Structure formats: C-alpha cells, structure tokens
C-alpha cells in the first residue's frame, strides 16, 4: 500500500432523524465529528413502505413553499 494517498479513516457519530445515534468508522470530517442525517431508513419511503414523513430540517420546505407556493401546482389545502 502506498503511503500518504489514503484518506484518514476514523470514528464518527451518526445521528438519525429521530435523535438516535451510533458510532461508526468513516472518512467523513475529523475524529469525533457528528453526521446529522436528513433522510434515513426510518423516514425514507423505500424502507417505510411508501409513506414518506417529511421533516423540515433547516427550513428548506418552508423556503420552497414561500417561493413557489403561489403557483398552485398541486398545493395541499
């Protein structure tokens, strides 16, 4: 194996959308960093059987609705 060409492989904490967390090894960030997931097996329709639970983390959905909500393209009433 060549020296100094591989990324650092270290322990990080992964936090799921429901607040649970676990530790795993990754090349993400630095040792001890936390990776917060927006979509995980608890919320993604591929694992939940088709019903998606949208969580507005960071206001993305709110910003989209305020910008494009007046178009009336299938908006929920």
N, C-alpha and C. Protein backbone atom coordinates (compact mmCIF):
# COMPACT_ATOMS: atom_id res chain seq x y z
N UNK A 1 0.84 -1.16 0.00
CA UNK A 1 0.00 0.00 0.00
C UNK A 1 0.90 1.24 0.00
N UNK A 2 0.55 2.23 -0.85
CA UNK A 2 1.34 3.46 -0.91
C UNK A 2 1.08 4.33 0.30
N UNK A 3 2.11 5.04 0.73
CA UNK A 3 1.97 5.95 1.87
C UNK A 3 1.39 7.29 1.43
N UNK A 4 0.62 7.92 2.33
CA UNK A 4 0.11 9.28 2.16
C UNK A 4 -0.83 9.49 0.98
N UNK A 5 -1.54 8.46 0.50
CA UNK A 5 -2.51 8.67 -0.57
C UNK A 5 -3.93 8.30 -0.12
N UNK A 6 -4.05 7.70 1.04
CA UNK A 6 -5.36 7.25 1.51
C UNK A 6 -5.94 8.23 2.52
N UNK A 7 -7.27 8.43 2.50
CA UNK A 7 -7.89 9.34 3.47
C UNK A 7 -7.83 8.76 4.88
N UNK A 8 -7.93 9.65 5.87
CA UNK A 8 -7.92 9.25 7.27
C UNK A 8 -9.23 8.53 7.59
N UNK A 9 -9.15 7.36 8.16
CA UNK A 9 -10.31 6.53 8.50
C UNK A 9 -10.43 6.53 10.01
N UNK A 10 -11.53 7.12 10.55
CA UNK A 10 -11.64 7.37 11.98
C UNK A 10 -13.08 7.18 12.45
N UNK A 11 -13.30 7.31 13.77
CA UNK A 11 -14.63 7.14 14.36
C UNK A 11 -15.42 8.45 14.29
N UNK A 12 -16.71 8.36 13.85
CA UNK A 12 -17.62 9.50 13.88
C UNK A 12 -18.94 9.03 14.50
N UNK A 13 -19.80 9.98 14.84
CA UNK A 13 -21.12 9.68 15.36
C UNK A 13 -22.15 10.05 14.29
N UNK A 14 -23.05 9.13 13.97
CA UNK A 14 -24.13 9.37 13.01
C UNK A 14 -25.42 9.53 13.81
N UNK A 15 -26.12 10.67 13.60
CA UNK A 15 -27.37 10.95 14.29
C UNK A 15 -28.52 10.83 13.30
N UNK A 16 -29.47 9.94 13.60
CA UNK A 16 -30.62 9.71 12.74
C UNK A 16 -31.66 10.81 12.94
N UNK A 17 -32.70 10.84 12.10
CA UNK A 17 -33.71 11.89 12.19
C UNK A 17 -34.53 11.82 13.47
N UNK A 18 -34.63 10.64 14.08
CA UNK A 18 -35.40 10.52 15.32
C UNK A 18 -34.56 10.80 16.57
N UNK A 19 -33.30 11.18 16.38
CA UNK A 19 -32.43 11.54 17.50
C UNK A 19 -31.52 10.43 17.98
N UNK A 20 -31.76 9.19 17.55
CA UNK A 20 -30.86 8.10 17.94
C UNK A 20 -29.53 8.27 17.22
N UNK A 21 -28.49 7.74 17.81
CA UNK A 21 -27.18 7.87 17.19
C UNK A 21 -26.36 6.60 17.39
N UNK A 22 -25.37 6.45 16.55
CA UNK A 22 -24.44 5.33 16.67
C UNK A 22 -23.07 5.76 16.18
N UNK A 23 -22.06 5.02 16.56
CA UNK A 23 -20.70 5.32 16.15
C UNK A 23 -20.26 4.35 15.07
N UNK A 24 -19.55 4.88 14.10
CA UNK A 24 -19.03 4.06 13.01
C UNK A 24 -17.72 4.65 12.53
N UNK A 25 -17.00 3.89 11.73
CA UNK A 25 -15.76 4.39 11.15
C UNK A 25 -16.07 4.96 9.78
N UNK A 26 -15.43 6.09 9.44
CA UNK A 26 -15.71 6.78 8.19
C UNK A 26 -14.55 7.68 7.80
N UNK A 27 -14.56 8.16 6.57
CA UNK A 27 -13.61 9.17 6.13
C UNK A 27 -14.24 10.56 6.20
N UNK A 28 -15.49 10.67 6.67
CA UNK A 28 -16.19 11.95 6.80
C UNK A 28 -15.57 12.79 7.91
N UNK A 29 -15.30 14.07 7.64
CA UNK A 29 -14.85 15.02 8.67
C UNK A 29 -13.58 14.59 9.38
N UNK A 30 -13.59 14.88 10.69
CA UNK A 30 -12.44 14.56 11.54
C UNK A 30 -12.88 13.60 12.65
N UNK A 31 -11.95 13.09 13.38
CA UNK A 31 -12.22 12.21 14.51
C UNK A 31 -13.21 12.88 15.46
N UNK A 32 -14.32 12.19 15.79
CA UNK A 32 -15.29 12.70 16.75
C UNK A 32 -16.38 13.58 16.16
N UNK A 33 -16.34 13.88 14.85
CA UNK A 33 -17.39 14.70 14.23
C UNK A 33 -18.73 13.97 14.25
N UNK A 34 -19.83 14.74 14.08
CA UNK A 34 -21.17 14.18 14.05
C UNK A 34 -21.78 14.42 12.69
N UNK A 35 -22.33 13.38 12.09
CA UNK A 35 -23.04 13.46 10.81
C UNK A 35 -24.53 13.38 11.10
N UNK A 36 -25.28 14.47 10.84
CA UNK A 36 -26.72 14.50 11.07
C UNK A 36 -27.44 14.16 9.77
N UNK A 37 -28.24 13.11 9.78
CA UNK A 37 -28.94 12.68 8.59
C UNK A 37 -30.28 13.40 8.44
N UNK A 38 -30.63 13.80 7.21
CA UNK A 38 -31.94 14.38 6.92
C UNK A 38 -32.92 13.28 6.51
N UNK A 39 -32.42 12.26 5.83
CA UNK A 39 -33.24 11.13 5.41
C UNK A 39 -32.51 9.86 5.81
N UNK A 40 -33.21 8.95 6.45
CA UNK A 40 -32.61 7.69 6.86
C UNK A 40 -33.65 6.57 6.71
N UNK A 41 -33.32 5.33 7.01
CA UNK A 41 -34.27 4.23 6.85
C UNK A 41 -35.56 4.40 7.65
N UNK A 42 -35.57 5.25 8.67
CA UNK A 42 -36.80 5.47 9.44
C UNK A 42 -37.79 6.37 8.71
N UNK A 43 -37.33 7.19 7.76
CA UNK A 43 -38.21 8.15 7.09
C UNK A 43 -38.29 7.97 5.58
N UNK A 44 -37.37 7.26 4.97
CA UNK A 44 -37.36 7.14 3.51
C UNK A 44 -38.41 6.13 3.04
N UNK A 45 -39.21 6.49 2.03
CA UNK A 45 -40.28 5.60 1.57
C UNK A 45 -39.80 4.24 1.05
N UNK A 46 -38.55 4.14 0.64
CA UNK A 46 -38.04 2.85 0.17
C UNK A 46 -38.03 1.82 1.29
N UNK A 47 -37.88 2.27 2.54
CA UNK A 47 -37.84 1.36 3.68
C UNK A 47 -39.14 1.37 4.49
N UNK A 48 -39.94 2.44 4.36
CA UNK A 48 -41.15 2.55 5.19
C UNK A 48 -42.40 2.05 4.50
N UNK A 49 -42.30 1.60 3.26
CA UNK A 49 -43.46 1.07 2.56
C UNK A 49 -44.21 2.11 1.75
N UNK A 50 -43.58 3.23 1.44
CA UNK A 50 -44.19 4.19 0.53
C UNK A 50 -44.74 5.45 1.17
N UNK A 51 -44.95 5.47 2.46
CA UNK A 51 -45.45 6.70 3.08
C UNK A 51 -44.26 7.47 3.63
N UNK A 52 -44.06 8.66 3.08
CA UNK A 52 -42.90 9.46 3.49
C UNK A 52 -43.29 10.45 4.56
N UNK A 53 -42.45 10.58 5.57
CA UNK A 53 -42.64 11.57 6.63
C UNK A 53 -41.65 12.69 6.36
N UNK A 54 -42.16 13.83 5.87
CA UNK A 54 -41.27 14.94 5.57
C UNK A 54 -40.95 15.71 6.85
N UNK A 55 -39.67 15.86 7.10
CA UNK A 55 -39.22 16.66 8.22
C UNK A 55 -38.57 17.91 7.65
N UNK A 56 -39.02 19.06 8.07
CA UNK A 56 -38.48 20.31 7.57
C UNK A 56 -37.29 20.72 8.44
N UNK A 57 -36.14 20.15 8.14
CA UNK A 57 -34.92 20.45 8.90
C UNK A 57 -34.15 21.53 8.17
N UNK A 58 -34.05 22.68 8.77
CA UNK A 58 -33.31 23.77 8.16
C UNK A 58 -34.17 24.71 7.35
N UNK A 59 -35.49 24.48 7.29
CA UNK A 59 -36.39 25.41 6.63
C UNK A 59 -36.44 25.28 5.13
N UNK A 60 -35.94 24.23 4.54
CA UNK A 60 -35.93 24.08 3.09
C UNK A 60 -37.34 24.01 2.53
N UNK A 61 -38.19 23.22 3.16
CA UNK A 61 -39.56 23.09 2.68
C UNK A 61 -40.32 24.40 2.83
N UNK A 62 -40.11 25.10 3.90
CA UNK A 62 -40.76 26.40 4.12
C UNK A 62 -40.31 27.41 3.08
N UNK A 63 -39.00 27.45 2.78
CA UNK A 63 -38.50 28.38 1.77
C UNK A 63 -39.07 28.05 0.40
N UNK A 64 -39.15 26.76 0.07
CA UNK A 64 -39.71 26.37 -1.22
C UNK A 64 -41.18 26.79 -1.31
N UNK A 65 -41.95 26.52 -0.26
CA UNK A 65 -43.37 26.88 -0.28
C UNK A 65 -43.57 28.38 -0.37
N UNK A 66 -42.74 29.17 0.30
CA UNK A 66 -42.91 30.62 0.22
C UNK A 66 -42.52 31.15 -1.15
N UNK A 67 -41.57 30.50 -1.81
CA UNK A 67 -41.11 30.96 -3.12
C UNK A 67 -42.05 30.50 -4.24
N UNK A 68 -42.52 29.25 -4.18
CA UNK A 68 -43.30 28.68 -5.27
C UNK A 68 -44.72 28.32 -4.88
N UNK A 69 -45.13 28.60 -3.66
CA UNK A 69 -46.45 28.22 -3.17
C UNK A 69 -47.60 28.88 -3.91
N UNK A 70 -47.37 30.07 -4.49
CA UNK A 70 -48.43 30.78 -5.17
C UNK A 70 -48.70 30.26 -6.58
N UNK A 71 -47.93 29.32 -7.07
CA UNK A 71 -48.16 28.77 -8.40
C UNK A 71 -49.37 27.85 -8.45
N UNK A 72 -49.74 27.28 -7.31
CA UNK A 72 -50.93 26.43 -7.25
C UNK A 72 -50.77 25.10 -7.96
N UNK A 73 -49.57 24.60 -8.06
CA UNK A 73 -49.32 23.31 -8.72
C UNK A 73 -49.48 22.18 -7.74
N UNK A 74 -50.68 21.72 -7.54
CA UNK A 74 -50.94 20.60 -6.65
C UNK A 74 -50.72 20.92 -5.18
N UNK A 75 -50.91 22.15 -4.83
CA UNK A 75 -50.71 22.55 -3.44
C UNK A 75 -51.78 21.93 -2.54
N UNK A 76 -51.36 21.48 -1.36
CA UNK A 76 -52.29 20.91 -0.40
C UNK A 76 -53.11 22.02 0.23
N UNK A 77 -54.38 21.77 0.40
CA UNK A 77 -55.25 22.78 1.02
C UNK A 77 -55.72 22.35 2.35
